[in-house]
Protein backbone atom coordinates (compact mmCIF):
# COMPACT_ATOMS: atom_id res chain seq x y z
CA MET A 1 0.34 0.28 -0.17
CA GLU A 2 2.84 2.49 0.80
CA GLU A 3 4.46 1.42 -2.49
CA VAL A 4 1.51 2.53 -4.23
CA ARG A 5 1.31 5.96 -2.77
CA THR A 6 4.55 6.23 -3.30
CA ASP A 7 4.19 5.98 -7.16
CA ALA A 8 1.08 8.25 -7.17
CA THR A 9 3.21 10.83 -5.37
CA TRP A 10 6.06 10.69 -8.01
CA ARG A 11 3.23 10.81 -10.56
CA ARG A 12 1.81 14.02 -9.35
CA ARG A 13 5.12 15.47 -9.03
CA TRP A 14 6.23 14.79 -12.67
CA GLU A 15 2.53 15.72 -14.06
CA ALA A 16 3.18 19.52 -12.11
CA VAL A 17 7.22 19.72 -13.65
CA ALA A 18 5.71 18.81 -16.92
CA VAL A 19 3.17 21.32 -16.70
CA VAL A 20 5.50 24.20 -15.41
CA ALA A 21 8.10 23.34 -17.76
CA LEU A 22 5.12 23.55 -20.84
CA ALA A 23 4.06 26.81 -19.57
CA ALA A 24 7.42 28.18 -19.12
CA ILE A 25 8.29 26.80 -23.16
CA VAL A 26 5.10 28.93 -24.36
CA VAL A 27 5.73 31.82 -22.42
CA VAL A 28 9.56 31.97 -23.86
CA GLU A 29 8.30 31.35 -27.25
CA LEU A 30 5.88 34.30 -26.98
CA VAL A 31 8.40 36.45 -25.92
CA VAL A 32 10.98 35.23 -28.60
CA VAL A 33 8.10 36.19 -30.99
CA VAL A 34 7.20 39.34 -29.37
CA GLY A 35 10.66 40.61 -28.65
CA VAL A 36 12.97 39.17 -31.69
CA SER A 37 11.00 41.14 -34.37
CA ASP A 38 13.42 40.20 -37.33
CA PRO A 39 12.64 36.60 -38.48
CA ARG A 40 15.46 36.55 -40.05
CA SER A 41 17.36 37.07 -37.03
CA GLY A 42 19.37 33.94 -36.09
CA LEU A 43 18.90 34.16 -32.35
CA ARG A 44 15.16 33.39 -32.82
CA GLY A 45 15.80 30.44 -34.91
CA GLN A 46 18.49 29.30 -32.28
CA LEU A 47 15.76 29.88 -29.29
CA LEU A 48 13.32 27.94 -31.38
CA ALA A 49 15.85 25.35 -32.35
CA LEU A 50 16.19 24.70 -28.64
CA LEU A 51 12.37 24.74 -27.16
CA VAL A 52 10.92 22.64 -29.89
CA PRO A 53 13.03 19.56 -28.69
CA LEU A 54 12.58 20.42 -25.03
CA ALA A 55 8.80 20.52 -25.43
CA ILE A 56 8.46 17.06 -27.43
CA GLY A 57 10.34 15.55 -24.81
CA ILE A 58 8.54 16.97 -21.88
CA THR A 59 5.41 15.82 -23.57
CA TRP A 60 6.60 12.11 -24.16
CA VAL A 61 7.84 11.97 -20.82
CA GLY A 62 4.12 12.74 -19.68
CA LEU A 63 2.63 10.44 -22.13
CA LEU A 64 4.61 7.58 -20.54
CA LEU A 65 4.04 8.52 -17.00
CA ASN A 66 -0.02 8.05 -17.99
CA TYR A 67 0.75 5.11 -19.65
CA ARG A 68 2.37 3.90 -16.51
CA GLU A 69 -0.50 4.99 -14.68
CA VAL A 70 -3.48 3.28 -16.85
CA ARG A 71 -1.03 0.21 -16.82
CA ARG A 72 -0.71 0.19 -12.91
CA GLN A 73 -4.90 0.80 -12.49
CA ASN A 74 -5.50 -2.21 -14.83
CA ILE A 75 -3.29 -4.56 -12.77
CA ALA A 76 -5.28 -3.41 -9.48
CA SER A 77 -8.09 -3.81 -11.30
CA ARG A 78 -7.45 -7.40 -12.01
CA GLU A 79 -6.14 -8.39 -8.36
CA LEU A 80 -9.40 -6.61 -7.44
CA ILE A 81 -11.14 -8.84 -9.34
CA ARG A 82 -8.85 -12.10 -8.37
CA LEU A 83 -9.42 -11.33 -4.76
CA SER A 84 -13.19 -10.71 -5.07
CA LEU A 85 -13.36 -14.33 -7.02
CA GLU A 86 -11.22 -15.90 -4.17
CA LEU A 87 -13.23 -14.46 -1.55
CA ASP A 88 -16.26 -15.44 -3.17
CA GLY A 89 -14.79 -19.07 -3.67
CA ARG A 90 -13.72 -19.37 0.17
CA GLY A 91 -17.13 -18.04 1.09
CA GLN A 92 -18.56 -21.11 -1.10
CA LEU A 93 -16.34 -23.48 0.45
CA ALA A 94 -17.23 -22.82 3.97
CA ASP A 95 -20.72 -22.70 3.06
CA ARG A 96 -20.39 -26.16 1.74
CA PHE A 97 -18.67 -27.31 4.61
CA MET A 98 -21.06 -25.57 7.23
CA LYS A 99 -23.64 -27.03 5.06
CA ALA A 100 -21.86 -30.85 5.47
CA LEU A 101 -21.81 -30.49 9.34
CA ASP A 102 -25.31 -29.98 9.68
CA GLN A 103 -25.84 -33.49 7.52
CA LEU A 104 -23.17 -35.14 10.06
CA SER A 105 -25.24 -34.53 12.60
CA ASP A 106 -28.38 -35.90 11.38
CA ARG A 107 -28.41 -39.45 12.52
CA GLY A 108 -31.72 -40.53 10.85
CA LYS A 109 -30.31 -40.32 7.38
CA LEU A 110 -27.06 -42.45 6.82
CA ASP A 111 -26.78 -41.59 2.95
CA LEU A 112 -26.84 -37.83 3.55
CA ARG A 113 -23.89 -38.35 6.30
CA ILE A 114 -21.89 -40.66 3.83
CA GLY A 115 -22.27 -37.84 0.96
CA ALA A 116 -21.59 -35.28 3.94
CA ILE A 117 -18.21 -37.17 4.55
CA TYR A 118 -17.14 -37.29 1.23
CA ALA A 119 -18.06 -33.41 0.33
CA SER A 120 -16.16 -32.83 3.68
CA GLU A 121 -13.00 -34.52 1.90
CA ALA A 122 -13.63 -32.61 -1.34
CA VAL A 123 -13.33 -29.06 0.38
CA ALA A 124 -10.19 -30.21 2.28
CA ARG A 125 -8.58 -30.86 -0.61
CA GLU A 126 -9.47 -27.80 -2.47
CA SER A 127 -8.46 -25.20 0.77
CA ASP A 128 -5.45 -25.83 2.70
CA THR A 129 -7.00 -23.55 5.05
CA LEU A 130 -9.94 -25.85 5.67
CA HIS A 131 -8.00 -29.05 5.73
CA TRP A 132 -7.22 -29.43 9.09
CA PRO A 133 -10.60 -28.42 10.48
CA VAL A 134 -12.19 -30.90 8.23
CA MET A 135 -9.76 -33.56 9.62
CA GLU A 136 -10.35 -32.59 13.28
CA VAL A 137 -14.35 -32.90 12.54
CA LEU A 138 -14.04 -36.55 10.85
CA SER A 139 -12.01 -37.65 14.12
CA ALA A 140 -14.25 -36.36 16.55
CA PHE A 141 -17.03 -38.23 14.24
CA VAL A 142 -14.79 -41.68 14.59
CA ARG A 143 -14.16 -41.24 18.26
CA ARG A 144 -18.01 -40.73 19.14
CA TYR A 145 -19.47 -43.45 16.68
CA GLY A 146 -16.72 -45.90 16.08
CA ARG A 147 -18.30 -48.32 18.86
CA GLU A 148 -21.19 -48.68 16.24
CA SER A 149 -21.31 -51.82 14.20
CA VAL A 150 -23.14 -53.63 11.54
CA GLU A 151 -22.37 -56.70 12.37
CA GLU A 152 -19.40 -58.72 14.45
CA ALA A 153 -18.87 -62.56 13.37
CA SER A 154 -17.53 -64.68 16.17
CA GLY A 155 -13.88 -64.48 15.98
CA GLY A 156 -13.90 -62.47 12.65
CA SER A 157 -13.49 -58.89 12.03
CA ARG A 158 -16.41 -56.29 12.91
CA GLN A 159 -18.06 -54.08 10.58
CA VAL A 160 -18.34 -50.41 11.63
CA ALA A 161 -21.13 -48.47 10.57
CA PRO A 162 -21.01 -47.37 7.26
CA ASP A 163 -20.35 -43.79 7.55
CA VAL A 164 -17.77 -44.38 10.30
CA GLN A 165 -15.87 -46.59 7.97
CA ALA A 166 -16.19 -43.37 5.14
CA ALA A 167 -14.80 -41.13 7.84
CA LEU A 168 -11.88 -43.64 8.52
CA THR A 169 -11.38 -44.21 4.81
CA VAL A 170 -11.13 -40.19 4.36
CA LEU A 171 -8.95 -39.69 7.58
CA LEU A 172 -6.56 -42.44 6.28
CA ARG A 173 -5.88 -41.13 2.40
CA ARG A 174 -5.69 -37.25 3.85
CA ASP A 175 -2.97 -35.36 2.26
CA ARG A 176 -0.68 -35.72 5.65
CA THR A 177 1.44 -32.74 4.34
CA HIS A 178 -1.04 -30.33 5.54
CA ASP A 179 -1.80 -31.74 9.10
CA GLN A 180 -1.15 -28.98 11.82
CA ALA A 181 -1.04 -31.40 14.59
CA ARG A 182 -1.25 -35.30 15.63
CA LEU A 183 -4.57 -36.62 14.32
CA ASP A 184 -6.62 -37.24 17.63
CA LEU A 185 -8.33 -40.72 18.03
CA GLY A 186 -7.63 -40.95 21.96
CA GLY A 187 -10.01 -43.24 23.07
CA VAL A 188 -11.37 -44.31 19.89
CA ASP A 189 -13.38 -48.27 19.96
CA LEU A 190 -12.03 -50.00 16.85
CA HIS A 191 -11.89 -53.22 18.71
CA SER A 192 -12.03 -56.19 16.15
CA VAL A 193 -11.80 -53.66 13.30
CA ARG A 194 -9.81 -54.45 10.05
CA LEU A 195 -7.38 -51.92 9.27
CA ASP A 196 -4.59 -53.77 7.45
CA SER A 197 -1.20 -51.48 6.12
CA ALA A 198 -3.25 -48.49 7.53
CA GLN A 199 -0.94 -45.21 7.76
CA LEU A 200 -1.48 -44.48 11.29
CA ASP A 201 2.03 -42.82 11.89
CA SER A 202 2.06 -40.00 14.36
CA VAL A 203 -1.50 -40.64 15.46
CA ASN A 204 -3.07 -40.03 19.00
CA LEU A 205 -4.23 -43.44 20.08
CA ARG A 206 -3.81 -43.03 23.58
CA GLU A 207 -6.29 -45.45 25.55
CA ALA A 208 -7.87 -46.35 22.43
CA ARG A 209 -9.75 -50.01 22.21
CA LEU A 210 -7.88 -51.89 19.41
CA ASP A 211 -8.18 -55.36 21.00
CA GLY A 212 -8.65 -57.89 18.23
CA ALA A 213 -8.13 -55.40 15.64
CA TRP A 214 -6.19 -56.63 12.00
CA LEU A 215 -3.36 -54.34 11.82
CA THR A 216 -1.16 -56.38 10.07
CA GLY A 217 1.65 -54.20 8.18
CA ALA A 218 0.01 -50.72 9.37
CA ASN A 219 2.31 -48.16 10.24
CA LEU A 220 2.17 -46.66 13.68
CA GLU A 221 5.30 -45.17 13.80
CA LYS A 222 5.71 -42.76 16.46
CA ALA A 223 1.83 -43.38 17.28
CA ASP A 224 0.89 -42.45 21.26
CA LEU A 225 -0.72 -45.93 22.07
CA ALA A 226 -0.14 -45.14 25.67
CA ALA A 227 -2.51 -47.22 27.73
CA ALA A 228 -4.35 -48.70 24.84
CA ARG A 229 -5.91 -52.00 24.49
CA LEU A 230 -4.23 -54.23 21.86
CA ASP A 231 -5.14 -57.60 23.45
CA GLY A 232 -5.15 -59.81 21.08
CA ALA A 233 -4.39 -57.79 17.97
CA HIS A 234 -2.90 -58.83 14.90
CA LEU A 235 0.11 -56.49 14.35
CA ALA A 236 2.75 -59.04 12.43
CA GLY A 237 5.12 -56.90 10.36
CA ALA A 238 3.80 -53.70 11.54
CA HIS A 239 5.92 -50.56 12.12
CA LEU A 240 6.07 -49.20 15.32
CA GLU A 241 9.20 -47.57 15.35
CA GLY A 242 9.40 -44.87 18.18
CA ALA A 243 5.78 -45.47 19.15
CA SER A 244 4.93 -44.89 22.73
CA LEU A 245 3.18 -48.07 24.26
CA VAL A 246 3.46 -47.28 27.99
CA GLY A 247 1.39 -49.44 30.15
CA ALA A 248 -0.15 -50.75 26.37
CA ARG A 249 -2.25 -54.04 26.67
CA LEU A 250 -0.76 -56.46 24.26
CA GLU A 251 -1.50 -59.82 26.03
CA ARG A 252 -1.76 -62.71 23.27
CA ALA A 253 -0.83 -60.08 20.58
CA ASP A 254 0.72 -61.20 17.27
CA LEU A 255 3.36 -59.15 17.05
CA SER A 256 5.97 -61.51 14.77
CA GLU A 257 8.33 -59.65 12.74
CA ALA A 258 6.73 -56.28 13.91
CA HIS A 259 9.41 -53.07 14.13
CA LEU A 260 9.22 -51.93 17.42
CA ASP A 261 12.86 -50.22 17.52
CA GLY A 262 13.13 -47.45 19.98
CA ALA A 263 9.54 -47.65 20.92
CA ASP A 264 8.58 -47.09 24.69
CA LEU A 265 6.94 -50.41 26.15
CA ARG A 266 7.80 -49.57 29.62
CA GLU A 267 4.98 -51.73 31.82
CA ALA A 268 3.43 -53.08 28.95
CA ARG A 269 1.34 -56.01 29.02
CA LEU A 270 2.82 -58.68 26.73
CA GLN A 271 2.09 -61.76 28.41
CA GLY A 272 1.45 -64.53 25.88
CA ALA A 273 2.30 -62.18 22.87
CA ASN A 274 3.84 -63.74 19.74
CA LEU A 275 7.17 -61.15 19.29
CA VAL A 276 9.32 -64.18 16.99
CA ALA A 277 11.93 -62.48 14.90
CA ALA A 278 10.49 -59.26 16.00
CA HIS A 279 12.93 -55.83 16.07
CA LEU A 280 12.86 -54.44 19.49
CA GLY A 281 16.35 -52.78 19.33
CA THR A 282 16.95 -49.92 21.66
CA ALA A 283 13.16 -50.31 22.94
CA ASP A 284 12.33 -49.50 26.72
CA LEU A 285 10.86 -52.83 28.39
CA GLY A 286 11.70 -51.46 31.45
CA GLU A 287 9.01 -53.26 33.87
CA ALA A 288 7.31 -54.83 31.09
CA HIS A 289 5.18 -58.19 31.74
CA LEU A 290 6.26 -60.63 29.29
CA GLU A 291 5.37 -63.92 31.03
CA TYR A 292 5.15 -66.88 28.79
CA ALA A 293 5.97 -64.42 25.52
CA ARG A 294 7.68 -65.79 22.37
CA LEU A 295 10.74 -63.90 21.63
CA SER A 296 12.51 -66.60 19.92
CA GLU A 297 15.08 -65.16 17.06
CA ALA A 298 14.10 -61.66 18.48
CA HIS A 299 16.23 -58.40 18.22
CA LEU A 300 16.56 -57.28 21.26
CA GLU A 301 20.67 -55.40 20.56
CA GLY A 302 20.95 -52.66 23.20
CA ALA A 303 17.05 -52.93 24.69
CA ARG A 304 16.18 -51.94 28.27
CA LEU A 305 14.75 -55.00 29.95
CA ASN A 306 15.28 -54.30 33.62
CA GLU A 307 13.04 -55.81 36.10
CA ALA A 308 11.04 -56.98 33.11
CA LEU A 309 9.03 -59.86 34.12
CA MET A 310 9.63 -62.67 31.31
CA GLN A 311 9.02 -66.02 33.46
CA GLU A 312 8.93 -68.72 31.17
CA ALA A 313 9.55 -66.61 28.06
CA GLU A 314 10.49 -68.05 24.77
CA LEU A 315 13.93 -66.65 24.04
CA SER A 316 15.84 -69.16 21.79
CA GLY A 317 17.96 -67.86 19.50
CA ALA A 318 16.96 -64.11 20.77
CA HIS A 319 19.28 -61.54 19.77
CA LEU A 320 20.20 -59.43 23.25
CA GLU A 321 23.81 -58.33 22.74
CA GLY A 322 24.08 -55.17 24.88
CA ALA A 323 20.91 -55.27 26.51
CA ASN A 324 20.42 -54.29 29.96
CA LEU A 325 18.41 -57.06 31.80
CA SER A 326 19.48 -56.01 35.29
CA GLY A 327 17.23 -57.44 37.94
CA ALA A 328 14.71 -59.02 34.97
CA HIS A 329 12.83 -62.09 36.09
CA LEU A 330 13.73 -65.08 33.56
CA GLU A 331 12.53 -67.86 36.05
CA ARG A 332 12.33 -71.14 33.84
CA ALA A 333 12.75 -68.64 30.68
CA ASN A 334 14.27 -70.66 27.47
CA LEU A 335 17.46 -69.03 26.07
CA ALA A 336 19.05 -71.73 24.63
CA SER A 337 21.23 -70.18 21.91
CA ALA A 338 20.44 -67.07 22.55
CA SER A 339 23.24 -63.94 22.12
CA LEU A 340 23.76 -62.19 25.33
CA ARG A 341 27.08 -60.66 24.50
CA GLN A 342 28.25 -57.81 26.97
CA ALA A 343 24.35 -57.68 28.35
CA ASP A 344 23.88 -56.88 31.90
CA LEU A 345 22.23 -59.54 33.94
CA SER A 346 23.52 -58.22 37.32
CA MET A 347 20.83 -59.51 39.97
CA ALA A 348 19.08 -61.14 37.27
CA HIS A 349 16.13 -64.02 38.44
CA LEU A 350 17.47 -66.92 36.53
CA GLN A 351 16.54 -70.03 38.07
CA GLY A 352 15.75 -73.00 36.26
CA ALA A 353 16.22 -71.02 32.75
CA ARG A 354 17.54 -72.97 29.93
CA LEU A 355 21.10 -71.33 28.55
CA ILE A 356 21.81 -74.41 26.65
CA GLU A 357 24.89 -72.80 24.18
CA ALA A 358 23.71 -69.29 24.67
CA HIS A 359 26.51 -66.86 24.37
CA LEU A 360 27.52 -64.80 27.41
CA GLU A 361 30.89 -63.53 26.42
CA GLU A 362 31.82 -60.39 28.51
CA SER A 363 28.03 -60.41 30.12
CA VAL A 364 27.65 -59.26 33.43
CA LEU A 365 26.38 -61.83 35.64
CA ASP A 366 27.30 -60.67 39.25
CA PHE A 367 24.95 -61.64 42.00
CA ALA A 368 22.81 -63.07 39.44
CA ALA A 369 20.23 -66.07 40.58
CA LEU A 370 21.35 -68.92 38.45
CA GLU A 371 20.27 -71.93 40.76
CA GLY A 372 19.30 -74.84 39.11
CA ALA A 373 20.10 -72.86 35.59
CA ASP A 374 20.89 -75.26 32.57
CA LEU A 375 24.25 -73.37 31.03
CA ARG A 376 25.52 -76.60 29.22
CA GLY A 377 27.62 -75.73 26.50
CA ALA A 378 27.08 -71.95 27.23
CA HIS A 379 30.15 -69.47 25.97
CA LEU A 380 31.04 -67.75 29.66
CA ASP A 381 34.52 -66.37 28.41
CA GLY A 382 34.85 -62.99 29.88
CA ALA A 383 31.94 -63.10 31.59
CA ASP A 384 31.61 -61.91 35.16
CA LEU A 385 30.10 -64.12 37.66
CA THR A 386 31.11 -62.47 40.96
CA GLY A 387 28.68 -62.92 43.75
CA ALA A 388 26.27 -65.25 41.42
CA HIS A 389 24.37 -67.96 42.56
CA LEU A 390 25.30 -71.12 41.15
CA GLU A 391 23.40 -73.88 43.09
CA GLY A 392 22.49 -76.78 41.38
CA ALA A 393 23.62 -75.08 37.92
CA ARG A 394 24.37 -77.36 35.20
CA LEU A 395 27.85 -76.72 33.87
CA GLU A 396 28.81 -79.44 31.64
CA GLY A 397 30.88 -78.87 28.62
CA VAL A 398 31.46 -75.05 29.77
CA ARG A 399 34.79 -73.15 29.11
CA LEU A 400 35.37 -71.37 32.32
CA GLU A 401 38.82 -70.65 31.62
CA ALA A 402 38.36 -66.75 30.93
CA ALA A 403 35.49 -66.17 33.48
CA ARG A 404 35.45 -64.84 37.00
CA VAL A 405 34.22 -67.13 39.36
CA THR A 406 35.29 -68.71 42.38
CA GLU A 407 35.93 -72.14 44.13
CA GLU A 408 33.21 -72.02 46.49
CA GLN A 409 30.72 -71.17 42.90
CA LEU A 410 31.89 -74.30 41.28
CA ALA A 411 31.89 -76.45 44.32
CA ALA A 412 27.91 -75.50 44.25
CA ALA A 413 27.43 -76.59 40.55
CA HIS A 414 27.08 -79.50 38.57
CA THR A 415 30.44 -80.19 36.71
CA ASP A 416 32.31 -82.99 34.99
CA ASP A 417 35.53 -83.54 32.84
CA THR A 418 34.02 -81.28 29.82
CA THR A 419 33.92 -78.37 32.21
CA VAL A 420 37.23 -76.51 31.60
CA LEU A 421 37.65 -74.69 35.05
CA PRO A 422 39.78 -71.60 35.04
CA GLU A 423 43.45 -71.88 36.97
CA LYS A 424 44.35 -70.40 39.86
CA GLY A 425 44.91 -66.59 39.49
CA PRO A 426 42.52 -63.70 38.59
CA ALA A 427 39.75 -65.41 37.06
CA LEU A 428 39.58 -67.99 40.06
CA THR A 429 39.31 -65.81 43.47
CA ASP A 430 38.69 -66.92 47.22
CA ARG A 431 35.86 -64.48 47.35
CA PRO A 432 32.94 -66.40 48.77
CA ALA A 433 29.79 -66.53 46.73
């Protein structure tokens, strides 16, 4: 606006200068005509030769300024027309959105509600400004009416109401580049609903009911699933990297080959869950409940499992290199052939655990409870067994020449001729167990 004012000011100044200059030229010419009586006089000719080009130049400057002003006015007119049309279009979009809202609230006409949902989607696609309000309205609609269903086959998937399904369809295929915050589906009831391969990354699903839901291959990266119900859910191959599952219920859930790297599973309930070949590297499973869970061949490198409850869990062939298992409860767990290199098992409860041919090189087992544990053929090179309880532990075929262990500990364990004992020295100490 300031630029327009400046241009107008300069234009008026140039017009004033042009008028004054032309008036001066006219006056001078009159003086010349009146004052110089002899037409043959050279002075008169010279003055006229000077004034005529000057007058022509000033006239051209005036014409140029006038052309620029006309052009500026034309551009301004076109811009006003464009803005007027844009405002009119926005008004129409807003009217369409408001009409759709009215139709959504009419619970008596299903066809109108479905039409309103897809009309709202069209508005969101046409207007970046209205995209997020549309998604918020549809999210609220799903949260409110998601529990309604048409039919539910025994043991099968549940069919939500058609209008809820339409709203879910729109939400899942939205242009996420225009999202202004997390999509809010907190507390939604979608139990036993089929959502295979759904794009739900970064969505708020706190306290949601997804028990028995089909989420095979779904994208739930960085989603907030704290305290959510996922018991019996089908999550095979799902992507849950960086997701929050604090206190979530995942009993008997199928998480085979799921990607849970960096996920927060503190205090999560995973009793009987299937985590075969799942990826849990650097995940936080502190105080999680994993009793009877199947974790064979699972990747738990660097995972935090301190104080986790893993009684009778299946961990054969699991990758637990560098994992923190301090204080974990692994009573009667199967860790046969598991890789626990450099893992922290200090004060862990491993009574009756199967550690046959497990790799425990350089692991920390100080004050671990290994009473009755089966360590036949285990690899304990560089392991620290200081203070560990080995009463009744089976150490046949174990090489202990590079482990830290006491004579008293070995005397309480089961050894035979295949057990390679450490020689007297730093490894074999006289410290009591």
